[in-house]
Amino acid sequence: MKNLLIKANVFAGELKGSCIKALEPKRGEGFLDVLIKILITVIIGAALLALLRVAIPDLFQDILNKIRSIFTI
């Protein structure tokens, strides 16, 4: 009788664990999701940079000149 109660207790514990695990929300991102987000961000950033270089070409040249003047002695 004692063995039967121990087996029933173990089975109940395993059943409880299985139910909790089955009802947990599944979350997380896959590798492909993150890769696509990074790729979209890089493409949008490159497009914005290209548009700014066309719209305001003097701005980038001024920035480059200032950087060059800082690093030259």
C-alpha atoms as a PDB file:
ATOM      1  CA  MET A   1       0.000   0.000   0.000  1.00  0.00           C
ATOM      2  CA  LYS A   2       2.853   2.345   0.855  1.00  0.00           C
ATOM      3  CA  ASN A   3       4.448   1.716  -2.573  1.00  0.00           C
ATOM      4  CA  LEU A   4       1.182   2.554  -4.291  1.00  0.00           C
ATOM      5  CA  LEU A   5       0.917   5.872  -2.415  1.00  0.00           C
ATOM      6  CA  ILE A   6       4.529   6.772  -3.287  1.00  0.00           C
ATOM      7  CA  LYS A   7       3.924   5.985  -6.975  1.00  0.00           C
ATOM      8  CA  ALA A   8       0.719   8.031  -6.953  1.00  0.00           C
ATOM      9  CA  ASN A   9       2.534  10.955  -5.329  1.00  0.00           C
ATOM     10  CA  VAL A  10       5.361  10.804  -7.900  1.00  0.00           C
ATOM     11  CA  PHE A  11       2.853  10.569 -10.751  1.00  0.00           C
ATOM     12  CA  ALA A  12       0.906  13.556  -9.389  1.00  0.00           C
ATOM     13  CA  GLY A  13       4.105  15.596  -9.157  1.00  0.00           C
ATOM     14  CA  GLU A  14       5.074  14.721 -12.725  1.00  0.00           C
ATOM     15  CA  LEU A  15       1.581  15.531 -13.940  1.00  0.00           C
ATOM     16  CA  LYS A  16       1.667  18.886 -12.166  1.00  0.00           C
ATOM     17  CA  GLY A  17       5.045  19.690 -13.736  1.00  0.00           C
ATOM     18  CA  SER A  18       3.806  18.725 -17.187  1.00  0.00           C
ATOM     19  CA  CYS A  19       0.711  20.894 -16.840  1.00  0.00           C
ATOM     20  CA  ILE A  20       2.690  23.903 -15.663  1.00  0.00           C
ATOM     21  CA  LYS A  21       5.173  23.487 -18.500  1.00  0.00           C
ATOM     22  CA  ALA A  22       2.381  23.141 -21.084  1.00  0.00           C
ATOM     23  CA  LEU A  23       0.590  26.254 -19.862  1.00  0.00           C
ATOM     24  CA  GLU A  24       3.681  28.501 -19.750  1.00  0.00           C
ATOM     25  CA  PRO A  25       3.669  31.238 -22.352  1.00  0.00           C
ATOM     26  CA  LYS A  26       6.105  30.544 -25.149  1.00  0.00           C
ATOM     27  CA  ARG A  27       8.279  33.602 -25.786  1.00  0.00           C
ATOM     28  CA  GLY A  28      11.489  34.437 -27.475  1.00  0.00           C
ATOM     29  CA  GLU A  29      12.859  35.461 -30.789  1.00  0.00           C
ATOM     30  CA  GLY A  30      14.593  33.275 -33.236  1.00  0.00           C
ATOM     31  CA  PHE A  31      17.873  33.964 -34.973  1.00  0.00           C
ATOM     32  CA  LEU A  32      16.135  34.714 -38.262  1.00  0.00           C
ATOM     33  CA  ASP A  33      13.822  37.326 -36.699  1.00  0.00           C
ATOM     34  CA  VAL A  34      16.748  39.253 -35.253  1.00  0.00           C
ATOM     35  CA  LEU A  35      18.694  38.994 -38.507  1.00  0.00           C
ATOM     36  CA  ILE A  36      15.799  40.404 -40.538  1.00  0.00           C
ATOM     37  CA  LYS A  37      15.345  43.304 -38.090  1.00  0.00           C
ATOM     38  CA  ILE A  38      19.040  44.176 -38.281  1.00  0.00           C
ATOM     39  CA  LEU A  39      19.000  43.956 -42.077  1.00  0.00           C
ATOM     40  CA  ILE A  40      15.960  46.249 -42.340  1.00  0.00           C
ATOM     41  CA  THR A  41      17.590  48.754 -39.984  1.00  0.00           C
ATOM     42  CA  VAL A  42      20.809  48.804 -41.999  1.00  0.00           C
ATOM     43  CA  ILE A  43      18.938  49.255 -45.287  1.00  0.00           C
ATOM     44  CA  ILE A  44      16.821  52.114 -43.933  1.00  0.00           C
ATOM     45  CA  GLY A  45      19.908  53.776 -42.419  1.00  0.00           C
ATOM     46  CA  ALA A  46      21.820  53.513 -45.696  1.00  0.00           C
ATOM     47  CA  ALA A  47      18.881  54.983 -47.615  1.00  0.00           C
ATOM     48  CA  LEU A  48      18.620  57.910 -45.199  1.00  0.00           C
ATOM     49  CA  LEU A  49      22.346  58.544 -45.408  1.00  0.00           C
ATOM     50  CA  ALA A  50      22.197  58.523 -49.216  1.00  0.00           C
ATOM     51  CA  LEU A  51      19.279  60.956 -49.180  1.00  0.00           C
ATOM     52  CA  LEU A  52      21.089  63.296 -46.794  1.00  0.00           C
ATOM     53  CA  ARG A  53      24.251  63.220 -48.897  1.00  0.00           C
ATOM     54  CA  VAL A  54      22.226  64.223 -51.959  1.00  0.00           C
ATOM     55  CA  ALA A  55      20.152  66.847 -50.134  1.00  0.00           C
ATOM     56  CA  ILE A  56      22.978  68.439 -48.115  1.00  0.00           C
ATOM     57  CA  PRO A  57      26.341  67.588 -49.708  1.00  0.00           C
ATOM     58  CA  ASP A  58      28.183  70.519 -48.075  1.00  0.00           C
ATOM     59  CA  LEU A  59      27.273  69.333 -44.590  1.00  0.00           C
ATOM     60  CA  PHE A  60      29.176  66.071 -44.929  1.00  0.00           C
ATOM     61  CA  GLN A  61      32.181  67.792 -46.468  1.00  0.00           C
ATOM     62  CA  ASP A  62      32.263  70.297 -43.577  1.00  0.00           C
ATOM     63  CA  ILE A  63      32.091  67.453 -41.047  1.00  0.00           C
ATOM     64  CA  LEU A  64      34.913  65.595 -42.786  1.00  0.00           C
ATOM     65  CA  ASN A  65      37.036  68.748 -42.889  1.00  0.00           C
ATOM     66  CA  LYS A  66      36.534  69.342 -39.159  1.00  0.00           C
ATOM     67  CA  ILE A  67      37.480  65.738 -38.354  1.00  0.00           C
ATOM     68  CA  ARG A  68      40.591  65.981 -40.528  1.00  0.00           C
ATOM     69  CA  SER A  69      41.616  69.253 -38.890  1.00  0.00           C
ATOM     70  CA  ILE A  70      41.294  67.698 -35.411  1.00  0.00           C
ATOM     71  CA  PHE A  71      43.508  64.719 -36.223  1.00  0.00           C
ATOM     72  CA  THR A  72      46.203  66.597 -38.118  1.00  0.00           C
ATOM     73  CA  ILE A  73      48.958  68.238 -36.127  1.00  0.00           C
END
